[in-house]
C-alpha atoms as a PDB file:
ATOM      1  CA  UNK A   1     -14.102  20.082 -15.762  1.00  0.00           C
ATOM      2  CA  UNK A   2     -11.338  22.483 -16.796  1.00  0.00           C
ATOM      3  CA  UNK A   3      -9.443  21.384 -19.966  1.00  0.00           C
ATOM      4  CA  UNK A   4      -6.942  24.266 -19.980  1.00  0.00           C
ATOM      5  CA  UNK A   5      -5.660  27.097 -17.831  1.00  0.00           C
ATOM      6  CA  UNK A   6      -4.933  30.728 -18.694  1.00  0.00           C
ATOM      7  CA  UNK A   7      -1.550  31.969 -17.334  1.00  0.00           C
ATOM      8  CA  UNK A   8      -1.888  35.702 -16.806  1.00  0.00           C
ATOM      9  CA  UNK A   9       1.874  36.184 -16.463  1.00  0.00           C
ATOM     10  CA  UNK A  10       2.730  39.870 -16.342  1.00  0.00           C
ATOM     11  CA  UNK A  11      -0.301  41.835 -17.607  1.00  0.00           C
ATOM     12  CA  UNK A  12       0.977  45.236 -18.817  1.00  0.00           C
ATOM     13  CA  UNK A  13       1.241  47.380 -21.959  1.00  0.00           C
ATOM     14  CA  UNK A  14       2.440  45.763 -25.181  1.00  0.00           C
ATOM     15  CA  UNK A  15       5.646  47.767 -25.241  1.00  0.00           C
ATOM     16  CA  UNK A  16       6.567  46.616 -21.727  1.00  0.00           C
ATOM     17  CA  UNK A  17       5.728  43.013 -22.646  1.00  0.00           C
ATOM     18  CA  UNK A  18       8.112  43.163 -25.626  1.00  0.00           C
ATOM     19  CA  UNK A  19      10.805  44.595 -23.305  1.00  0.00           C
ATOM     20  CA  UNK A  20      10.203  41.758 -20.812  1.00  0.00           C
ATOM     21  CA  UNK A  21      10.377  39.198 -23.629  1.00  0.00           C
ATOM     22  CA  UNK A  22      13.764  40.520 -24.786  1.00  0.00           C
ATOM     23  CA  UNK A  23      15.090  40.738 -21.186  1.00  0.00           C
ATOM     24  CA  UNK A  24      13.898  37.238 -20.159  1.00  0.00           C
ATOM     25  CA  UNK A  25      15.131  35.711 -23.490  1.00  0.00           C
ATOM     26  CA  UNK A  26      18.565  37.265 -22.940  1.00  0.00           C
ATOM     27  CA  UNK A  27      18.770  35.958 -19.371  1.00  0.00           C
ATOM     28  CA  UNK A  28      17.581  32.520 -20.487  1.00  0.00           C
ATOM     29  CA  UNK A  29      20.179  32.255 -23.270  1.00  0.00           C
ATOM     30  CA  UNK A  30      22.980  33.486 -21.002  1.00  0.00           C
ATOM     31  CA  UNK A  31      21.921  30.936 -18.387  1.00  0.00           C
ATOM     32  CA  UNK A  32      22.041  28.129 -20.897  1.00  0.00           C
ATOM     33  CA  UNK A  33      25.458  29.275 -22.197  1.00  0.00           C
ATOM     34  CA  UNK A  34      26.936  29.705 -18.727  1.00  0.00           C
ATOM     35  CA  UNK A  35      25.854  26.269 -17.418  1.00  0.00           C
ATOM     36  CA  UNK A  36      26.811  24.544 -20.707  1.00  0.00           C
ATOM     37  CA  UNK A  37      30.210  26.177 -20.471  1.00  0.00           C
ATOM     38  CA  UNK A  38      30.740  24.639 -16.979  1.00  0.00           C
ATOM     39  CA  UNK A  39      29.691  21.211 -18.286  1.00  0.00           C
ATOM     40  CA  UNK A  40      32.035  21.484 -21.250  1.00  0.00           C
ATOM     41  CA  UNK A  41      34.913  22.671 -19.028  1.00  0.00           C
ATOM     42  CA  UNK A  42      34.503  19.727 -16.649  1.00  0.00           C
ATOM     43  CA  UNK A  43      34.122  17.293 -19.543  1.00  0.00           C
ATOM     44  CA  UNK A  44      37.237  18.492 -21.433  1.00  0.00           C
ATOM     45  CA  UNK A  45      39.673  19.028 -18.590  1.00  0.00           C
ATOM     46  CA  UNK A  46      41.161  15.921 -16.901  1.00  0.00           C
ATOM     47  CA  UNK A  47      42.153  18.117 -13.962  1.00  0.00           C
ATOM     48  CA  UNK A  48      38.461  18.615 -13.204  1.00  0.00           C
ATOM     49  CA  UNK A  49      37.524  14.949 -13.250  1.00  0.00           C
ATOM     50  CA  UNK A  50      37.075  14.958  -9.479  1.00  0.00           C
ATOM     51  CA  UNK A  51      33.920  14.425  -7.331  1.00  0.00           C
ATOM     52  CA  UNK A  52      33.573  18.130  -6.613  1.00  0.00           C
ATOM     53  CA  UNK A  53      33.453  19.080 -10.298  1.00  0.00           C
ATOM     54  CA  UNK A  54      31.405  16.031 -11.344  1.00  0.00           C
ATOM     55  CA  UNK A  55      28.746  17.181  -8.854  1.00  0.00           C
ATOM     56  CA  UNK A  56      29.079  20.742 -10.166  1.00  0.00           C
ATOM     57  CA  UNK A  57      28.674  19.569 -13.803  1.00  0.00           C
ATOM     58  CA  UNK A  58      25.491  17.636 -12.847  1.00  0.00           C
ATOM     59  CA  UNK A  59      24.274  20.680 -10.913  1.00  0.00           C
ATOM     60  CA  UNK A  60      24.741  22.847 -14.009  1.00  0.00           C
ATOM     61  CA  UNK A  61      22.825  20.367 -16.124  1.00  0.00           C
ATOM     62  CA  UNK A  62      20.101  20.415 -13.492  1.00  0.00           C
ATOM     63  CA  UNK A  63      19.963  24.230 -13.733  1.00  0.00           C
ATOM     64  CA  UNK A  64      19.423  23.942 -17.504  1.00  0.00           C
ATOM     65  CA  UNK A  65      16.556  21.543 -16.985  1.00  0.00           C
ATOM     66  CA  UNK A  66      15.221  23.641 -14.082  1.00  0.00           C
ATOM     67  CA  UNK A  67      15.149  26.924 -16.027  1.00  0.00           C
ATOM     68  CA  UNK A  68      13.772  25.176 -19.133  1.00  0.00           C
ATOM     69  CA  UNK A  69      10.801  23.726 -17.237  1.00  0.00           C
ATOM     70  CA  UNK A  70       8.983  27.052 -17.090  1.00  0.00           C
ATOM     71  CA  UNK A  71      10.821  29.887 -18.913  1.00  0.00           C
ATOM     72  CA  UNK A  72      10.099  28.772 -22.548  1.00  0.00           C
ATOM     73  CA  UNK A  73       6.366  28.693 -21.728  1.00  0.00           C
ATOM     74  CA  UNK A  74       6.720  32.092 -20.048  1.00  0.00           C
ATOM     75  CA  UNK A  75       8.320  33.542 -23.181  1.00  0.00           C
ATOM     76  CA  UNK A  76       5.702  31.986 -25.420  1.00  0.00           C
ATOM     77  CA  UNK A  77       2.849  33.386 -23.354  1.00  0.00           C
ATOM     78  CA  UNK A  78       4.320  36.895 -23.314  1.00  0.00           C
ATOM     79  CA  UNK A  79       4.023  37.152 -27.134  1.00  0.00           C
ATOM     80  CA  UNK A  80       0.854  35.019 -27.353  1.00  0.00           C
ATOM     81  CA  UNK A  81      -2.703  36.372 -27.221  1.00  0.00           C
ATOM     82  CA  UNK A  82      -4.250  33.238 -25.701  1.00  0.00           C
ATOM     83  CA  UNK A  83      -1.704  32.547 -22.896  1.00  0.00           C
ATOM     84  CA  UNK A  84      -3.167  29.120 -22.396  1.00  0.00           C
ATOM     85  CA  UNK A  85      -1.709  25.808 -21.161  1.00  0.00           C
ATOM     86  CA  UNK A  86      -3.480  22.470 -21.270  1.00  0.00           C
ATOM     87  CA  UNK A  87      -4.569  20.707 -18.093  1.00  0.00           C
ATOM     88  CA  UNK A  88      -2.055  17.856 -18.657  1.00  0.00           C
ATOM     89  CA  UNK A  89       0.668  20.354 -19.594  1.00  0.00           C
ATOM     90  CA  UNK A  90       0.029  22.326 -16.406  1.00  0.00           C
ATOM     91  CA  UNK A  91       0.331  19.228 -14.221  1.00  0.00           C
ATOM     92  CA  UNK A  92       3.488  18.126 -16.060  1.00  0.00           C
ATOM     93  CA  UNK A  93       5.031  21.554 -15.624  1.00  0.00           C
ATOM     94  CA  UNK A  94       4.169  21.462 -11.920  1.00  0.00           C
ATOM     95  CA  UNK A  95       5.724  18.029 -11.565  1.00  0.00           C
ATOM     96  CA  UNK A  96       8.955  18.687 -13.465  1.00  0.00           C
ATOM     97  CA  UNK A  97       9.559  22.119 -11.971  1.00  0.00           C
ATOM     98  CA  UNK A  98       9.196  21.048  -8.357  1.00  0.00           C
ATOM     99  CA  UNK A  99      11.148  17.792  -9.040  1.00  0.00           C
ATOM    100  CA  UNK A 100      14.049  19.928 -10.273  1.00  0.00           C
ATOM    101  CA  UNK A 101      13.631  22.225  -7.239  1.00  0.00           C
ATOM    102  CA  UNK A 102      13.845  19.175  -4.876  1.00  0.00           C
ATOM    103  CA  UNK A 103      16.836  17.793  -6.813  1.00  0.00           C
ATOM    104  CA  UNK A 104      18.621  21.148  -6.498  1.00  0.00           C
ATOM    105  CA  UNK A 105      18.310  20.924  -2.710  1.00  0.00           C
ATOM    106  CA  UNK A 106      19.723  17.392  -2.758  1.00  0.00           C
ATOM    107  CA  UNK A 107      22.637  18.414  -5.014  1.00  0.00           C
ATOM    108  CA  UNK A 108      23.482  21.389  -2.778  1.00  0.00           C
ATOM    109  CA  UNK A 109      23.495  18.966   0.176  1.00  0.00           C
ATOM    110  CA  UNK A 110      25.773  16.519  -1.662  1.00  0.00           C
ATOM    111  CA  UNK A 111      28.138  19.358  -2.581  1.00  0.00           C
ATOM    112  CA  UNK A 112      28.241  20.537   1.030  1.00  0.00           C
ATOM    113  CA  UNK A 113      29.016  16.941   2.097  1.00  0.00           C
ATOM    114  CA  UNK A 114      31.892  16.850  -0.440  1.00  0.00           C
ATOM    115  CA  UNK A 115      33.393  20.116   0.903  1.00  0.00           C
ATOM    116  CA  UNK A 116      32.986  18.905   4.478  1.00  0.00           C
ATOM    117  CA  UNK A 117      35.011  15.738   3.737  1.00  0.00           C
ATOM    118  CA  UNK A 118      37.588  17.655   1.674  1.00  0.00           C
ATOM    119  CA  UNK A 119      38.291  20.279   4.369  1.00  0.00           C
ATOM    120  CA  UNK A 120      37.378  18.586   7.666  1.00  0.00           C
ATOM    121  CA  UNK A 121      38.612  15.053   6.765  1.00  0.00           C
ATOM    122  CA  UNK A 122      41.338  15.702   4.157  1.00  0.00           C
ATOM    123  CA  UNK A 123      43.260  12.471   4.877  1.00  0.00           C
ATOM    124  CA  UNK A 124      40.193  10.294   4.577  1.00  0.00           C
ATOM    125  CA  UNK A 125      38.726  12.165   1.613  1.00  0.00           C
ATOM    126  CA  UNK A 126      40.212  10.002  -1.204  1.00  0.00           C
ATOM    127  CA  UNK A 127      39.037   6.756   0.481  1.00  0.00           C
ATOM    128  CA  UNK A 128      35.556   8.038   1.384  1.00  0.00           C
ATOM    129  CA  UNK A 129      34.614  10.231  -1.604  1.00  0.00           C
ATOM    130  CA  UNK A 130      35.366   7.704  -4.324  1.00  0.00           C
ATOM    131  CA  UNK A 131      34.015   7.867  -7.881  1.00  0.00           C
ATOM    132  CA  UNK A 132      31.595   5.095  -6.953  1.00  0.00           C
ATOM    133  CA  UNK A 133      30.191   7.113  -3.998  1.00  0.00           C
ATOM    134  CA  UNK A 134      30.076  10.210  -6.207  1.00  0.00           C
ATOM    135  CA  UNK A 135      28.032   8.309  -8.819  1.00  0.00           C
ATOM    136  CA  UNK A 136      25.672   7.055  -6.102  1.00  0.00           C
ATOM    137  CA  UNK A 137      25.131  10.581  -4.820  1.00  0.00           C
ATOM    138  CA  UNK A 138      24.380  11.833  -8.337  1.00  0.00           C
ATOM    139  CA  UNK A 139      21.882   9.051  -8.973  1.00  0.00           C
ATOM    140  CA  UNK A 140      20.250   9.627  -5.558  1.00  0.00           C
ATOM    141  CA  UNK A 141      19.874  13.383  -6.196  1.00  0.00           C
ATOM    142  CA  UNK A 142      18.242  12.891  -9.594  1.00  0.00           C
ATOM    143  CA  UNK A 143      15.931  10.030  -8.645  1.00  0.00           C
ATOM    144  CA  UNK A 144      15.213  11.485  -5.198  1.00  0.00           C
ATOM    145  CA  UNK A 145      14.071  14.758  -6.784  1.00  0.00           C
ATOM    146  CA  UNK A 146      11.514  13.015  -9.020  1.00  0.00           C
ATOM    147  CA  UNK A 147      10.304  10.627  -6.323  1.00  0.00           C
ATOM    148  CA  UNK A 148       9.898  13.356  -3.702  1.00  0.00           C
ATOM    149  CA  UNK A 149       7.228  15.191  -5.751  1.00  0.00           C
ATOM    150  CA  UNK A 150       5.413  12.052  -6.972  1.00  0.00           C
ATOM    151  CA  UNK A 151       2.858  12.093  -4.140  1.00  0.00           C
ATOM    152  CA  UNK A 152       2.069  15.848  -4.317  1.00  0.00           C
ATOM    153  CA  UNK A 153       1.785  15.645  -8.095  1.00  0.00           C
ATOM    154  CA  UNK A 154      -0.588  12.656  -7.840  1.00  0.00           C
ATOM    155  CA  UNK A 155      -2.720  14.516  -5.274  1.00  0.00           C
ATOM    156  CA  UNK A 156      -2.785  17.630  -7.484  1.00  0.00           C
ATOM    157  CA  UNK A 157      -4.070  15.530 -10.411  1.00  0.00           C
ATOM    158  CA  UNK A 158      -7.068  14.625  -8.204  1.00  0.00           C
ATOM    159  CA  UNK A 159      -7.929  18.228  -7.261  1.00  0.00           C
ATOM    160  CA  UNK A 160     -11.295  19.186  -8.812  1.00  0.00           C
ATOM    161  CA  UNK A 161     -11.118  22.180 -11.173  1.00  0.00           C
ATOM    162  CA  UNK A 162     -14.581  23.196 -12.369  1.00  0.00           C
ATOM    163  CA  UNK A 163     -14.760  26.981 -12.031  1.00  0.00           C
ATOM    164  CA  UNK A 164     -12.470  29.767 -13.142  1.00  0.00           C
ATOM    165  CA  UNK A 165      -9.307  28.654 -14.978  1.00  0.00           C
ATOM    166  CA  UNK A 166      -7.287  31.837 -14.779  1.00  0.00           C
ATOM    167  CA  UNK A 167      -3.987  31.470 -12.930  1.00  0.00           C
ATOM    168  CA  UNK A 168      -2.515  34.801 -11.718  1.00  0.00           C
ATOM    169  CA  UNK A 169       1.016  33.638 -12.313  1.00  0.00           C
ATOM    170  CA  UNK A 170       3.456  32.860 -15.105  1.00  0.00           C
ATOM    171  CA  UNK A 171       3.584  29.120 -14.519  1.00  0.00           C
ATOM    172  CA  UNK A 172       1.534  26.397 -12.794  1.00  0.00           C
ATOM    173  CA  UNK A 173       2.609  27.174  -9.239  1.00  0.00           C
ATOM    174  CA  UNK A 174       1.259  25.331  -6.199  1.00  0.00           C
ATOM    175  CA  UNK A 175      -0.567  28.183  -4.416  1.00  0.00           C
ATOM    176  CA  UNK A 176      -2.426  29.585  -7.411  1.00  0.00           C
ATOM    177  CA  UNK A 177      -3.502  26.048  -8.492  1.00  0.00           C
ATOM    178  CA  UNK A 178      -4.873  25.258  -5.051  1.00  0.00           C
ATOM    179  CA  UNK A 179      -6.723  28.531  -5.027  1.00  0.00           C
ATOM    180  CA  UNK A 180      -8.637  27.448  -8.165  1.00  0.00           C
ATOM    181  CA  UNK A 181      -9.951  24.275  -6.613  1.00  0.00           C
ATOM    182  CA  UNK A 182     -13.771  24.189  -6.640  1.00  0.00           C
ATOM    183  CA  UNK A 183     -13.829  22.141  -3.388  1.00  0.00           C
ATOM    184  CA  UNK A 184     -11.765  22.272  -0.191  1.00  0.00           C
ATOM    185  CA  UNK A 185      -8.742  19.957  -0.416  1.00  0.00           C
ATOM    186  CA  UNK A 186      -7.184  20.140   3.116  1.00  0.00           C
ATOM    187  CA  UNK A 187      -5.325  16.771   2.783  1.00  0.00           C
ATOM    188  CA  UNK A 188      -3.705  17.889  -0.467  1.00  0.00           C
ATOM    189  CA  UNK A 189      -2.709  21.250   0.980  1.00  0.00           C
ATOM    190  CA  UNK A 190      -1.318  19.646   4.128  1.00  0.00           C
ATOM    191  CA  UNK A 191       0.576  16.987   2.230  1.00  0.00           C
ATOM    192  CA  UNK A 192       2.133  19.507  -0.188  1.00  0.00           C
ATOM    193  CA  UNK A 193       3.059  21.808   2.708  1.00  0.00           C
ATOM    194  CA  UNK A 194       4.608  18.962   4.669  1.00  0.00           C
ATOM    195  CA  UNK A 195       6.651  17.586   1.740  1.00  0.00           C
ATOM    196  CA  UNK A 196       7.907  20.997   0.667  1.00  0.00           C
ATOM    197  CA  UNK A 197       8.758  21.997   4.289  1.00  0.00           C
ATOM    198  CA  UNK A 198      10.633  18.740   4.890  1.00  0.00           C
ATOM    199  CA  UNK A 199      12.681  19.007   1.716  1.00  0.00           C
ATOM    200  CA  UNK A 200      13.490  22.699   2.291  1.00  0.00           C
ATOM    201  CA  UNK A 201      14.319  22.589   5.981  1.00  0.00           C
ATOM    202  CA  UNK A 202      16.071  19.233   6.204  1.00  0.00           C
ATOM    203  CA  UNK A 203      18.433  19.969   3.284  1.00  0.00           C
ATOM    204  CA  UNK A 204      18.956  23.548   4.460  1.00  0.00           C
ATOM    205  CA  UNK A 205      19.766  22.506   8.049  1.00  0.00           C
ATOM    206  CA  UNK A 206      22.136  19.816   6.786  1.00  0.00           C
ATOM    207  CA  UNK A 207      23.918  22.308   4.512  1.00  0.00           C
ATOM    208  CA  UNK A 208      24.062  24.848   7.327  1.00  0.00           C
ATOM    209  CA  UNK A 209      25.565  22.312   9.710  1.00  0.00           C
ATOM    210  CA  UNK A 210      28.107  21.124   7.125  1.00  0.00           C
ATOM    211  CA  UNK A 211      29.308  24.655   6.335  1.00  0.00           C
ATOM    212  CA  UNK A 212      29.436  25.599  10.011  1.00  0.00           C
ATOM    213  CA  UNK A 213      31.904  22.726  10.565  1.00  0.00           C
ATOM    214  CA  UNK A 214      33.783  23.676   7.432  1.00  0.00           C
ATOM    215  CA  UNK A 215      34.058  27.312   8.558  1.00  0.00           C
ATOM    216  CA  UNK A 216      35.343  26.239  11.923  1.00  0.00           C
ATOM    217  CA  UNK A 217      37.972  24.057  10.284  1.00  0.00           C
ATOM    218  CA  UNK A 218      39.001  26.823   7.821  1.00  0.00           C
ATOM    219  CA  UNK A 219      39.463  29.388  10.620  1.00  0.00           C
ATOM    220  CA  UNK A 220      41.861  26.957  12.354  1.00  0.00           C
ATOM    221  CA  UNK A 221      44.108  26.798   9.272  1.00  0.00           C
ATOM    222  CA  UNK A 222      47.077  29.190   9.380  1.00  0.00           C
ATOM    223  CA  UNK A 223      46.648  32.241   7.135  1.00  0.00           C
ATOM    224  CA  UNK A 224      47.913  31.569   3.636  1.00  0.00           C
ATOM    225  CA  UNK A 225      46.998  30.390   0.187  1.00  0.00           C
ATOM    226  CA  UNK A 226      45.448  27.118   1.414  1.00  0.00           C
ATOM    227  CA  UNK A 227      43.140  28.892   3.824  1.00  0.00           C
ATOM    228  CA  UNK A 228      42.203  31.462   1.204  1.00  0.00           C
ATOM    229  CA  UNK A 229      41.384  28.817  -1.422  1.00  0.00           C
ATOM    230  CA  UNK A 230      39.280  26.776   0.964  1.00  0.00           C
ATOM    231  CA  UNK A 231      37.435  29.837   2.145  1.00  0.00           C
ATOM    232  CA  UNK A 232      36.843  31.048  -1.434  1.00  0.00           C
ATOM    233  CA  UNK A 233      35.445  27.699  -2.589  1.00  0.00           C
ATOM    234  CA  UNK A 234      33.085  27.355   0.367  1.00  0.00           C
ATOM    235  CA  UNK A 235      32.033  31.007   0.160  1.00  0.00           C
ATOM    236  CA  UNK A 236      30.916  30.498  -3.472  1.00  0.00           C
ATOM    237  CA  UNK A 237      28.989  27.387  -2.523  1.00  0.00           C
ATOM    238  CA  UNK A 238      27.268  29.062   0.401  1.00  0.00           C
ATOM    239  CA  UNK A 239      26.384  32.136  -1.722  1.00  0.00           C
ATOM    240  CA  UNK A 240      24.499  29.830  -4.137  1.00  0.00           C
ATOM    241  CA  UNK A 241      22.769  28.151  -1.188  1.00  0.00           C
ATOM    242  CA  UNK A 242      21.715  31.531   0.192  1.00  0.00           C
ATOM    243  CA  UNK A 243      20.349  32.732  -3.151  1.00  0.00           C
ATOM    244  CA  UNK A 244      18.312  29.550  -3.620  1.00  0.00           C
ATOM    245  CA  UNK A 245      16.974  28.934  -0.092  1.00  0.00           C
ATOM    246  CA  UNK A 246      16.445  32.541   0.764  1.00  0.00           C
ATOM    247  CA  UNK A 247      13.832  32.904  -2.027  1.00  0.00           C
ATOM    248  CA  UNK A 248      12.364  29.395  -1.827  1.00  0.00           C
ATOM    249  CA  UNK A 249      11.591  29.644   1.918  1.00  0.00           C
ATOM    250  CA  UNK A 250       9.517  32.749   1.316  1.00  0.00           C
ATOM    251  CA  UNK A 251       7.221  30.836  -1.040  1.00  0.00           C
ATOM    252  CA  UNK A 252       6.588  27.173  -0.149  1.00  0.00           C
ATOM    253  CA  UNK A 253       6.481  26.918   3.574  1.00  0.00           C
ATOM    254  CA  UNK A 254       2.785  27.985   3.391  1.00  0.00           C
ATOM    255  CA  UNK A 255       1.667  26.952  -0.112  1.00  0.00           C
ATOM    256  CA  UNK A 256      -2.008  27.799   0.337  1.00  0.00           C
ATOM    257  CA  UNK A 257      -1.337  31.559   0.700  1.00  0.00           C
ATOM    258  CA  UNK A 258      -3.230  33.675  -1.787  1.00  0.00           C
ATOM    259  CA  UNK A 259      -2.008  37.098  -0.695  1.00  0.00           C
ATOM    260  CA  UNK A 260       0.246  39.395  -2.640  1.00  0.00           C
ATOM    261  CA  UNK A 261       0.374  37.691  -6.076  1.00  0.00           C
ATOM    262  CA  UNK A 262       2.746  40.376  -7.360  1.00  0.00           C
ATOM    263  CA  UNK A 263       5.273  39.589  -4.663  1.00  0.00           C
ATOM    264  CA  UNK A 264       4.869  35.878  -5.301  1.00  0.00           C
ATOM    265  CA  UNK A 265       5.643  36.389  -8.981  1.00  0.00           C
ATOM    266  CA  UNK A 266       8.730  38.507  -8.251  1.00  0.00           C
ATOM    267  CA  UNK A 267      10.134  36.022  -5.707  1.00  0.00           C
ATOM    268  CA  UNK A 268       9.382  33.049  -7.976  1.00  0.00           C
ATOM    269  CA  UNK A 269      10.941  34.828 -10.906  1.00  0.00           C
ATOM    270  CA  UNK A 270      14.074  35.373  -8.811  1.00  0.00           C
ATOM    271  CA  UNK A 271      14.769  31.782  -7.993  1.00  0.00           C
ATOM    272  CA  UNK A 272      13.448  30.552 -11.397  1.00  0.00           C
ATOM    273  CA  UNK A 273      15.758  32.780 -13.472  1.00  0.00           C
ATOM    274  CA  UNK A 274      18.185  34.760 -11.361  1.00  0.00           C
ATOM    275  CA  UNK A 275      19.568  31.839  -9.341  1.00  0.00           C
ATOM    276  CA  UNK A 276      20.431  29.658 -12.366  1.00  0.00           C
ATOM    277  CA  UNK A 277      21.822  32.738 -14.105  1.00  0.00           C
ATOM    278  CA  UNK A 278      24.189  33.735 -11.282  1.00  0.00           C
ATOM    279  CA  UNK A 279      25.357  30.216 -10.381  1.00  0.00           C
ATOM    280  CA  UNK A 280      27.877  29.824 -13.269  1.00  0.00           C
ATOM    281  CA  UNK A 281      29.272  33.270 -12.562  1.00  0.00           C
ATOM    282  CA  UNK A 282      29.693  32.531  -8.881  1.00  0.00           C
ATOM    283  CA  UNK A 283      31.399  29.167  -9.436  1.00  0.00           C
ATOM    284  CA  UNK A 284      33.612  30.245 -12.307  1.00  0.00           C
ATOM    285  CA  UNK A 285      34.735  33.668 -11.116  1.00  0.00           C
ATOM    286  CA  UNK A 286      35.801  32.425  -7.692  1.00  0.00           C
ATOM    287  CA  UNK A 287      37.602  29.276  -8.898  1.00  0.00           C
ATOM    288  CA  UNK A 288      41.025  29.414 -10.634  1.00  0.00           C
ATOM    289  CA  UNK A 289      40.831  25.817 -11.966  1.00  0.00           C
ATOM    290  CA  UNK A 290      37.427  26.412 -13.457  1.00  0.00           C
ATOM    291  CA  UNK A 291      38.557  29.704 -15.055  1.00  0.00           C
ATOM    292  CA  UNK A 292      41.541  27.991 -16.640  1.00  0.00           C
ATOM    293  CA  UNK A 293      39.376  25.183 -18.017  1.00  0.00           C
ATOM    294  CA  UNK A 294      36.839  27.686 -19.396  1.00  0.00           C
ATOM    295  CA  UNK A 295      39.623  29.594 -21.147  1.00  0.00           C
ATOM    296  CA  UNK A 296      40.724  26.412 -22.846  1.00  0.00           C
ATOM    297  CA  UNK A 297      37.158  25.618 -23.936  1.00  0.00           C
ATOM    298  CA  UNK A 298      36.751  29.122 -25.374  1.00  0.00           C
ATOM    299  CA  UNK A 299      40.113  29.017 -27.168  1.00  0.00           C
ATOM    300  CA  UNK A 300      39.463  25.604 -28.773  1.00  0.00           C
ATOM    301  CA  UNK A 301      37.120  26.810 -31.532  1.00  0.00           C
ATOM    302  CA  UNK A 302      39.411  29.642 -32.499  1.00  0.00           C
ATOM    303  CA  UNK A 303      42.371  27.237 -32.914  1.00  0.00           C
ATOM    304  CA  UNK A 304      40.339  24.960 -35.162  1.00  0.00           C
END
């Protein structure tokens, strides 16, 4: 049986690998800083102690966990000669990465539900979206993400690996792992495809329906600052949704596909690194309250 896997990553000349290491390290550090800034801004500003920003702070923490589940190993393998990962480490990386991926879909759904209530049911919003309900949504998103991937991860742990152990990817992705199985595993492939498709399409359709109702409500509001603020907030949310789901749908609707590994790496790299990197910029640049809170956070150390 296989005791470790070799992650090929991005095989290229040493000079290009060093350039990729510097580039990916910079993006990773900026992603951590951007999402930590949002968490600190929400934590320090009483004005942001509302369900919308509590969900956003949890979403930013999720992005930190999400990007940290695979990028550190990617960076280590770029400068390493062995590029290996243990069998247990590979399965753990698979489980945590896709749990975070599922939790991200749930958080985006919860945030769309919050915006739907705030814009379409403004009079009932304070009584419906209480701190208690917000806490329940946060707990559901976190626990739901980990429970959703429990069955696929358990099935993947039973897949027999006895032949080649080289994964043509930069992390333990579903398709490349299934391709290394030394025996057909149709039930595992079908279960993983079903679970990933249900999570992706159910959350996406719910988000799409919520924002369609929000857009209809916003267009009925007379032109002015209120309409512009509502449209700006929802536009930033939907932009994040488009970045995430646009790339994820390309990959995991048919997880057994072995074609075009270069394209798979590029698309996976986009939603692994680019989406968590752009999210803080999208949410902070299009939100006046968030920008004011971030300015206060950045000024605090200089005053001390």
